[in-house]
Amino acid sequence: MPDQITSRGTNSQLQGNSYDTRQSSSGSTGYHYSNTNGSYYYSNTNGSTYYNSGSGYSSYTSPSGNTSQSYSSNSGSGKK
């Protein structure tokens, strides 16, 4: 069963930056931030995290804590 979005909104102090919070069927929570500069960040319900700078850098940390980083000239690409 996919995660359910439980709330969403826009950060009033940083105009245009948006977020949502999520919950899995097991009750684990996570969130996603999307920023006006093209960057975004996921803290997933399975314990993994993913960050994309929007300009070629990304970082993924698995639920077990292993981290991989990527540098690319193709901005905005990557996995979540």
PDB file of N, CA and C in Angstrom:
ATOM      1  N   MET A   1       0.842  -1.187   0.000  1.00  0.00           N
ATOM      2  CA  MET A   1       0.000   0.000   0.000  1.00  0.00           C
ATOM      3  C   MET A   1       0.883   1.245   0.000  1.00  0.00           C
ATOM      4  N   PRO A   2       0.614   2.208  -0.862  1.00  0.00           N
ATOM      5  CA  PRO A   2       1.451   3.416  -0.923  1.00  0.00           C
ATOM      6  C   PRO A   2       1.258   4.297   0.305  1.00  0.00           C
ATOM      7  N   ASP A   3       2.256   5.136   0.557  1.00  0.00           N
ATOM      8  CA  ASP A   3       2.159   6.103   1.651  1.00  0.00           C
ATOM      9  C   ASP A   3       0.993   7.054   1.403  1.00  0.00           C
ATOM     10  N   GLN A   4       0.400   7.511   2.495  1.00  0.00           N
ATOM     11  CA  GLN A   4      -0.691   8.477   2.414  1.00  0.00           C
ATOM     12  C   GLN A   4      -0.170   9.842   2.837  1.00  0.00           C
ATOM     13  N   ILE A   5      -0.452  10.864   2.034  1.00  0.00           N
ATOM     14  CA  ILE A   5      -0.088  12.234   2.396  1.00  0.00           C
ATOM     15  C   ILE A   5      -1.077  12.702   3.459  1.00  0.00           C
ATOM     16  N   THR A   6      -0.537  13.096   4.619  1.00  0.00           N
ATOM     17  CA  THR A   6      -1.393  13.485   5.742  1.00  0.00           C
ATOM     18  C   THR A   6      -1.536  14.999   5.884  1.00  0.00           C
ATOM     19  N   SER A   7      -0.582  15.762   5.363  1.00  0.00           N
ATOM     20  CA  SER A   7      -0.703  17.227   5.353  1.00  0.00           C
ATOM     21  C   SER A   7       0.231  17.783   4.302  1.00  0.00           C
ATOM     22  N   ARG A   8      -0.047  18.989   3.894  1.00  0.00           N
ATOM     23  CA  ARG A   8       0.820  19.679   2.939  1.00  0.00           C
ATOM     24  C   ARG A   8       0.658  21.171   3.107  1.00  0.00           C
ATOM     25  N   GLY A   9       1.656  21.910   2.656  1.00  0.00           N
ATOM     26  CA  GLY A   9       1.558  23.349   2.788  1.00  0.00           C
ATOM     27  C   GLY A   9       2.723  24.060   2.152  1.00  0.00           C
ATOM     28  N   THR A  10       2.768  25.349   2.372  1.00  0.00           N
ATOM     29  CA  THR A  10       3.827  26.214   1.863  1.00  0.00           C
ATOM     30  C   THR A  10       4.438  26.962   3.031  1.00  0.00           C
ATOM     31  N   ASN A  11       5.760  27.036   3.051  1.00  0.00           N
ATOM     32  CA  ASN A  11       6.460  27.755   4.101  1.00  0.00           C
ATOM     33  C   ASN A  11       6.258  29.247   3.890  1.00  0.00           C
ATOM     34  N   SER A  12       5.606  29.901   4.827  1.00  0.00           N
ATOM     35  CA  SER A  12       5.295  31.323   4.662  1.00  0.00           C
ATOM     36  C   SER A  12       6.525  32.215   4.789  1.00  0.00           C
ATOM     37  N   GLN A  13       7.575  31.729   5.472  1.00  0.00           N
ATOM     38  CA  GLN A  13       8.788  32.538   5.618  1.00  0.00           C
ATOM     39  C   GLN A  13       9.675  32.462   4.380  1.00  0.00           C
ATOM     40  N   LEU A  14       9.611  31.359   3.674  1.00  0.00           N
ATOM     41  CA  LEU A  14      10.387  31.180   2.441  1.00  0.00           C
ATOM     42  C   LEU A  14       9.395  30.964   1.314  1.00  0.00           C
ATOM     43  N   GLN A  15       8.931  32.028   0.743  1.00  0.00           N
ATOM     44  CA  GLN A  15       7.811  32.011  -0.194  1.00  0.00           C
ATOM     45  C   GLN A  15       8.008  30.985  -1.305  1.00  0.00           C
ATOM     46  N   GLY A  16       7.033  30.106  -1.441  1.00  0.00           N
ATOM     47  CA  GLY A  16       7.034  29.143  -2.527  1.00  0.00           C
ATOM     48  C   GLY A  16       7.587  27.784  -2.158  1.00  0.00           C
ATOM     49  N   ASN A  17       8.356  27.671  -1.085  1.00  0.00           N
ATOM     50  CA  ASN A  17       8.849  26.371  -0.664  1.00  0.00           C
ATOM     51  C   ASN A  17       7.685  25.559  -0.115  1.00  0.00           C
ATOM     52  N   SER A  18       7.531  24.326  -0.582  1.00  0.00           N
ATOM     53  CA  SER A  18       6.389  23.521  -0.170  1.00  0.00           C
ATOM     54  C   SER A  18       6.852  22.251   0.529  1.00  0.00           C
ATOM     55  N   TYR A  19       5.939  21.642   1.257  1.00  0.00           N
ATOM     56  CA  TYR A  19       6.249  20.425   1.989  1.00  0.00           C
ATOM     57  C   TYR A  19       5.001  19.553   2.060  1.00  0.00           C
ATOM     58  N   ASP A  20       5.210  18.277   2.311  1.00  0.00           N
ATOM     59  CA  ASP A  20       4.111  17.417   2.707  1.00  0.00           C
ATOM     60  C   ASP A  20       4.625  16.386   3.698  1.00  0.00           C
ATOM     61  N   THR A  21       3.735  15.902   4.517  1.00  0.00           N
ATOM     62  CA  THR A  21       4.065  14.823   5.442  1.00  0.00           C
ATOM     63  C   THR A  21       3.309  13.578   5.000  1.00  0.00           C
ATOM     64  N   ARG A  22       3.906  12.416   5.279  1.00  0.00           N
ATOM     65  CA  ARG A  22       3.358  11.152   4.794  1.00  0.00           C
ATOM     66  C   ARG A  22       3.324  10.137   5.916  1.00  0.00           C
ATOM     67  N   GLN A  23       2.439   9.171   5.778  1.00  0.00           N
ATOM     68  CA  GLN A  23       2.368   8.084   6.745  1.00  0.00           C
ATOM     69  C   GLN A  23       2.153   6.777   5.998  1.00  0.00           C
ATOM     70  N   SER A  24       2.899   5.750   6.421  1.00  0.00           N
ATOM     71  CA  SER A  24       2.748   4.433   5.819  1.00  0.00           C
ATOM     72  C   SER A  24       1.642   3.659   6.537  1.00  0.00           C
ATOM     73  N   SER A  25       1.247   2.542   5.975  1.00  0.00           N
ATOM     74  CA  SER A  25       0.206   1.730   6.596  1.00  0.00           C
ATOM     75  C   SER A  25       0.647   1.177   7.945  1.00  0.00           C
ATOM     76  N   SER A  26       1.965   1.095   8.181  1.00  0.00           N
ATOM     77  CA  SER A  26       2.471   0.607   9.465  1.00  0.00           C
ATOM     78  C   SER A  26       2.577   1.721  10.506  1.00  0.00           C
ATOM     79  N   GLY A  27       2.307   2.974  10.103  1.00  0.00           N
ATOM     80  CA  GLY A  27       2.344   4.096  11.030  1.00  0.00           C
ATOM     81  C   GLY A  27       3.623   4.913  10.988  1.00  0.00           C
ATOM     82  N   SER A  28       4.619   4.495  10.197  1.00  0.00           N
ATOM     83  CA  SER A  28       5.853   5.276  10.063  1.00  0.00           C
ATOM     84  C   SER A  28       5.563   6.577   9.331  1.00  0.00           C
ATOM     85  N   THR A  29       6.261   7.645   9.726  1.00  0.00           N
ATOM     86  CA  THR A  29       6.028   8.942   9.103  1.00  0.00           C
ATOM     87  C   THR A  29       7.254   9.397   8.311  1.00  0.00           C
ATOM     88  N   GLY A  30       7.019  10.252   7.363  1.00  0.00           N
ATOM     89  CA  GLY A  30       8.079  10.843   6.552  1.00  0.00           C
ATOM     90  C   GLY A  30       7.625  12.195   6.043  1.00  0.00           C
ATOM     91  N   TYR A  31       8.499  12.870   5.316  1.00  0.00           N
ATOM     92  CA  TYR A  31       8.133  14.167   4.762  1.00  0.00           C
ATOM     93  C   TYR A  31       8.931  14.454   3.508  1.00  0.00           C
ATOM     94  N   HIS A  32       8.497  15.457   2.774  1.00  0.00           N
ATOM     95  CA  HIS A  32       9.131  15.884   1.529  1.00  0.00           C
ATOM     96  C   HIS A  32       9.113  17.400   1.502  1.00  0.00           C
ATOM     97  N   TYR A  33      10.269  17.982   1.195  1.00  0.00           N
ATOM     98  CA  TYR A  33      10.375  19.427   0.985  1.00  0.00           C
ATOM     99  C   TYR A  33      10.758  19.674  -0.464  1.00  0.00           C
ATOM    100  N   SER A  34      10.136  20.649  -1.076  1.00  0.00           N
ATOM    101  CA  SER A  34      10.476  21.079  -2.424  1.00  0.00           C
ATOM    102  C   SER A  34      10.700  22.584  -2.372  1.00  0.00           C
ATOM    103  N   ASN A  35      11.872  23.013  -2.800  1.00  0.00           N
ATOM    104  CA  ASN A  35      12.266  24.413  -2.649  1.00  0.00           C
ATOM    105  C   ASN A  35      12.253  25.155  -3.978  1.00  0.00           C
ATOM    106  N   THR A  36      12.065  26.462  -3.920  1.00  0.00           N
ATOM    107  CA  THR A  36      11.979  27.272  -5.131  1.00  0.00           C
ATOM    108  C   THR A  36      13.295  27.300  -5.904  1.00  0.00           C
ATOM    109  N   ASN A  37      14.409  26.951  -5.259  1.00  0.00           N
ATOM    110  CA  ASN A  37      15.697  26.925  -5.964  1.00  0.00           C
ATOM    111  C   ASN A  37      15.904  25.627  -6.737  1.00  0.00           C
ATOM    112  N   GLY A  38      14.902  24.742  -6.750  1.00  0.00           N
ATOM    113  CA  GLY A  38      14.981  23.487  -7.491  1.00  0.00           C
ATOM    114  C   GLY A  38      15.420  22.304  -6.648  1.00  0.00           C
ATOM    115  N   SER A  39      15.845  22.534  -5.425  1.00  0.00           N
ATOM    116  CA  SER A  39      16.274  21.429  -4.571  1.00  0.00           C
ATOM    117  C   SER A  39      15.063  20.776  -3.902  1.00  0.00           C
ATOM    118  N   TYR A  40      15.246  19.518  -3.515  1.00  0.00           N
ATOM    119  CA  TYR A  40      14.193  18.829  -2.775  1.00  0.00           C
ATOM    120  C   TYR A  40      14.798  17.763  -1.875  1.00  0.00           C
ATOM    121  N   TYR A  41      14.035  17.377  -0.865  1.00  0.00           N
ATOM    122  CA  TYR A  41      14.502  16.445   0.150  1.00  0.00           C
ATOM    123  C   TYR A  41      13.361  15.524   0.559  1.00  0.00           C
ATOM    124  N   TYR A  42      13.657  14.231   0.622  1.00  0.00           N
ATOM    125  CA  TYR A  42      12.702  13.245   1.098  1.00  0.00           C
ATOM    126  C   TYR A  42      13.258  12.577   2.341  1.00  0.00           C
ATOM    127  N   SER A  43      12.462  12.483   3.367  1.00  0.00           N
ATOM    128  CA  SER A  43      12.717  11.603   4.493  1.00  0.00           C
ATOM    129  C   SER A  43      11.608  10.562   4.411  1.00  0.00           C
ATOM    130  N   ASN A  44      11.945   9.383   3.925  1.00  0.00           N
ATOM    131  CA  ASN A  44      10.941   8.389   3.582  1.00  0.00           C
ATOM    132  C   ASN A  44      10.486   7.569   4.789  1.00  0.00           C
ATOM    133  N   THR A  45       9.307   6.992   4.674  1.00  0.00           N
ATOM    134  CA  THR A  45       8.735   6.219   5.772  1.00  0.00           C
ATOM    135  C   THR A  45       9.517   4.939   6.063  1.00  0.00           C
ATOM    136  N   ASN A  46      10.359   4.510   5.139  1.00  0.00           N
ATOM    137  CA  ASN A  46      11.176   3.315   5.382  1.00  0.00           C
ATOM    138  C   ASN A  46      12.506   3.640   6.058  1.00  0.00           C
ATOM    139  N   GLY A  47      12.738   4.925   6.374  1.00  0.00           N
ATOM    140  CA  GLY A  47      13.963   5.340   7.049  1.00  0.00           C
ATOM    141  C   GLY A  47      15.038   5.868   6.116  1.00  0.00           C
ATOM    142  N   SER A  48      14.844   5.776   4.820  1.00  0.00           N
ATOM    143  CA  SER A  48      15.823   6.301   3.876  1.00  0.00           C
ATOM    144  C   SER A  48      15.625   7.795   3.683  1.00  0.00           C
ATOM    145  N   THR A  49      16.667   8.470   3.188  1.00  0.00           N
ATOM    146  CA  THR A  49      16.568   9.885   2.852  1.00  0.00           C
ATOM    147  C   THR A  49      17.144  10.116   1.464  1.00  0.00           C
ATOM    148  N   TYR A  50      16.669  11.132   0.816  1.00  0.00           N
ATOM    149  CA  TYR A  50      17.184  11.505  -0.504  1.00  0.00           C
ATOM    150  C   TYR A  50      17.187  13.023  -0.615  1.00  0.00           C
ATOM    151  N   TYR A  51      18.315  13.565  -1.061  1.00  0.00           N
ATOM    152  CA  TYR A  51      18.431  15.005  -1.286  1.00  0.00           C
ATOM    153  C   TYR A  51      18.918  15.233  -2.706  1.00  0.00           C
ATOM    154  N   ASN A  52      18.309  16.197  -3.381  1.00  0.00           N
ATOM    155  CA  ASN A  52      18.748  16.607  -4.705  1.00  0.00           C
ATOM    156  C   ASN A  52      18.879  18.121  -4.691  1.00  0.00           C
ATOM    157  N   SER A  53      20.057  18.618  -5.049  1.00  0.00           N
ATOM    158  CA  SER A  53      20.327  20.057  -4.991  1.00  0.00           C
ATOM    159  C   SER A  53      19.631  20.834  -6.104  1.00  0.00           C
ATOM    160  N   GLY A  54      19.189  20.128  -7.136  1.00  0.00           N
ATOM    161  CA  GLY A  54      18.600  20.799  -8.287  1.00  0.00           C
ATOM    162  C   GLY A  54      19.642  21.298  -9.267  1.00  0.00           C
ATOM    163  N   SER A  55      20.923  21.114  -8.916  1.00  0.00           N
ATOM    164  CA  SER A  55      21.992  21.588  -9.804  1.00  0.00           C
ATOM    165  C   SER A  55      23.091  20.538  -9.973  1.00  0.00           C
ATOM    166  N   GLY A  56      22.724  19.263  -9.849  1.00  0.00           N
ATOM    167  CA  GLY A  56      23.668  18.205 -10.181  1.00  0.00           C
ATOM    168  C   GLY A  56      24.188  17.360  -9.040  1.00  0.00           C
ATOM    169  N   TYR A  57      23.910  17.716  -7.815  1.00  0.00           N
ATOM    170  CA  TYR A  57      24.369  16.917  -6.678  1.00  0.00           C
ATOM    171  C   TYR A  57      23.180  16.205  -6.050  1.00  0.00           C
ATOM    172  N   SER A  58      23.362  14.939  -5.717  1.00  0.00           N
ATOM    173  CA  SER A  58      22.325  14.224  -4.976  1.00  0.00           C
ATOM    174  C   SER A  58      22.975  13.275  -3.981  1.00  0.00           C
ATOM    175  N   SER A  59      22.221  12.962  -2.946  1.00  0.00           N
ATOM    176  CA  SER A  59      22.696  12.074  -1.895  1.00  0.00           C
ATOM    177  C   SER A  59      21.540  11.191  -1.445  1.00  0.00           C
ATOM    178  N   TYR A  60      21.816   9.886  -1.343  1.00  0.00           N
ATOM    179  CA  TYR A  60      20.811   8.932  -0.889  1.00  0.00           C
ATOM    180  C   TYR A  60      21.383   8.171   0.301  1.00  0.00           C
ATOM    181  N   THR A  61      20.614   8.050   1.358  1.00  0.00           N
ATOM    182  CA  THR A  61      20.993   7.234   2.508  1.00  0.00           C
ATOM    183  C   THR A  61      19.940   6.154   2.675  1.00  0.00           C
ATOM    184  N   SER A  62      20.386   4.916   2.669  1.00  0.00           N
ATOM    185  CA  SER A  62      19.476   3.778   2.776  1.00  0.00           C
ATOM    186  C   SER A  62      18.966   3.633   4.206  1.00  0.00           C
ATOM    187  N   PRO A  63      17.940   2.827   4.405  1.00  0.00           N
ATOM    188  CA  PRO A  63      17.446   2.595   5.761  1.00  0.00           C
ATOM    189  C   PRO A  63      18.513   2.026   6.705  1.00  0.00           C
ATOM    190  N   SER A  64      19.499   1.324   6.169  1.00  0.00           N
ATOM    191  CA  SER A  64      20.564   0.760   7.002  1.00  0.00           C
ATOM    192  C   SER A  64      21.697   1.745   7.263  1.00  0.00           C
ATOM    193  N   GLY A  65      21.639   2.942   6.640  1.00  0.00           N
ATOM    194  CA  GLY A  65      22.631   3.977   6.901  1.00  0.00           C
ATOM    195  C   GLY A  65      23.724   4.116   5.856  1.00  0.00           C
ATOM    196  N   ASN A  66      23.711   3.297   4.820  1.00  0.00           N
ATOM    197  CA  ASN A  66      24.696   3.426   3.743  1.00  0.00           C
ATOM    198  C   ASN A  66      24.342   4.630   2.874  1.00  0.00           C
ATOM    199  N   THR A  67      25.348   5.446   2.560  1.00  0.00           N
ATOM    200  CA  THR A  67      25.132   6.668   1.795  1.00  0.00           C
ATOM    201  C   THR A  67      25.841   6.609   0.456  1.00  0.00           C
ATOM    202  N   SER A  68      25.158   7.068  -0.571  1.00  0.00           N
ATOM    203  CA  SER A  68      25.783   7.232  -1.886  1.00  0.00           C
ATOM    204  C   SER A  68      25.524   8.649  -2.357  1.00  0.00           C
ATOM    205  N   GLN A  69      26.508   9.213  -3.052  1.00  0.00           N
ATOM    206  CA  GLN A  69      26.411  10.570  -3.563  1.00  0.00           C
ATOM    207  C   GLN A  69      26.675  10.560  -5.057  1.00  0.00           C
ATOM    208  N   SER A  70      26.082  11.500  -5.739  1.00  0.00           N
ATOM    209  CA  SER A  70      26.234  11.599  -7.178  1.00  0.00           C
ATOM    210  C   SER A  70      26.422  13.054  -7.570  1.00  0.00           C
ATOM    211  N   TYR A  71      27.322  13.281  -8.504  1.00  0.00           N
ATOM    212  CA  TYR A  71      27.547  14.610  -9.069  1.00  0.00           C
ATOM    213  C   TYR A  71      27.319  14.491 -10.566  1.00  0.00           C
ATOM    214  N   SER A  72      26.479  15.337 -11.114  1.00  0.00           N
ATOM    215  CA  SER A  72      26.122  15.223 -12.516  1.00  0.00           C
ATOM    216  C   SER A  72      25.919  16.602 -13.116  1.00  0.00           C
ATOM    217  N   SER A  73      26.146  16.694 -14.404  1.00  0.00           N
ATOM    218  CA  SER A  73      25.852  17.951 -15.091  1.00  0.00           C
ATOM    219  C   SER A  73      24.386  18.020 -15.491  1.00  0.00           C
ATOM    220  N   ASN A  74      23.661  16.898 -15.327  1.00  0.00           N
ATOM    221  CA  ASN A  74      22.233  16.874 -15.632  1.00  0.00           C
ATOM    222  C   ASN A  74      21.454  17.231 -14.378  1.00  0.00           C
ATOM    223  N   SER A  75      21.129  18.486 -14.204  1.00  0.00           N
ATOM    224  CA  SER A  75      20.450  18.924 -12.985  1.00  0.00           C
ATOM    225  C   SER A  75      19.062  18.344 -12.908  1.00  0.00           C
ATOM    226  N   GLY A  76      18.656  18.045 -11.665  1.00  0.00           N
ATOM    227  CA  GLY A  76      17.313  17.567 -11.429  1.00  0.00           C
ATOM    228  C   GLY A  76      17.122  16.082 -11.633  1.00  0.00           C
ATOM    229  N   SER A  77      18.166  15.360 -12.034  1.00  0.00           N
ATOM    230  CA  SER A  77      18.005  13.929 -12.247  1.00  0.00           C
ATOM    231  C   SER A  77      18.371  13.182 -10.982  1.00  0.00           C
ATOM    232  N   GLY A  78      17.845  12.020 -10.843  1.00  0.00           N
ATOM    233  CA  GLY A  78      18.184  11.220  -9.667  1.00  0.00           C
ATOM    234  C   GLY A  78      17.040  10.332  -9.261  1.00  0.00           C
ATOM    235  N   LYS A  79      17.265   9.565  -8.186  1.00  0.00           N
ATOM    236  CA  LYS A  79      16.242   8.672  -7.676  1.00  0.00           C
ATOM    237  C   LYS A  79      15.727   9.196  -6.362  1.00  0.00           C
ATOM    238  N   LYS A  80      14.585   8.748  -5.999  1.00  0.00           N
ATOM    239  CA  LYS A  80      14.075   9.171  -4.687  1.00  0.00           C
ATOM    240  C   LYS A  80      13.992   8.005  -3.744  1.00  0.00           C
TER     241      LYS A  80
END
